[in-house]
Amino acid sequence: MYSSLPRPTIFAHRGACAHAPENTLASFQLALQQNAPAIELDAKLSVDGEVVVIHDQTVDRTTDGTGAVRKMPLAALRELDAGSKFDSKYKGEKIPTLTEVFETVGGKLFINVEITNYASPFDALPFKVAGLVKYHGLQDKVMFSSFLGRSLRRAHRIVPTVPLGLLASPGIKGGFARSFLTRQTPYQAIHPEVSDVTPALIDRFHSSNRRVHTYTVNDPQIMRQLFNWGIDGIFTDDPAFALKILTESISSRS
């Protein structure tokens, strides 16, 4: 459950994507093997309304195909190789559906589902993601995040017990999301970019009983600093390494 997550929580960003192709079952399973308590993934809709797991708006960077995800049917997306560009040993790895991820690792670790309908903000993605969470009975094992408050509120209507994390863009662009005003909205966590995190920001959100989970942290020195500041969670590409740094940080204090 969200309330019992370890603090700080190590979220495997797109799985253990330093060592396996991002947002694939291989990456999520590796994060599980590395004892990550949580993973983060990106959800989008195919043109035929299926929820798939991929970060970019197009398939170009991570697969052997080209084109916009939201303009391709699931069958076409499933024909693509989502592993070879990372390493030939992952040849044939597929773009997974959210259902496949839930069936493979759901309930075994906590899952942050980012609702990434940024190119089509009025589509049905929030409702479909929430519906799948409800169908699989994972309300206690997931949270939703997004840069779009609207998407979070829509998902919240379907599964109101699932915690919400408001993503904040870096710098001035994310100023409103990190401001006092959002403390009045029903989010349980703020997810700022790491360069915007300060002890004062952490204290400010803690004072309104909200957690601070920051992205994306791979540098050991920055990890140690954040752990000392009392960060509630970090998104990292290398969860095994982050867990090692966390263990060392705890030992150095005792």
Foldseek 3Di string as FASTA:
>chain_A
DVVPADFQAEEQEQALCVVFQGVFPVRNVVNLVLVRQEYEWEWDAACVGFIWTDDDQWCPPQWPDTDGRNDHDPVVQQVIFRGVVPPVVSGNTGGGTVLVNCVRCNPVHAYEYEYPVVVPVPDCSLVVVLVSCVVSVRQVRYAYEYCDPVSNVVNCVSRVSHAYEHEAEPDPRRDVVLDPVCLVPRHQEYEYELVPDDLVSQVVSVVSNHAYEYDDDDDLVSLLVCVVSRHRYYHYSHSSVSVVSVVVSVVVVD
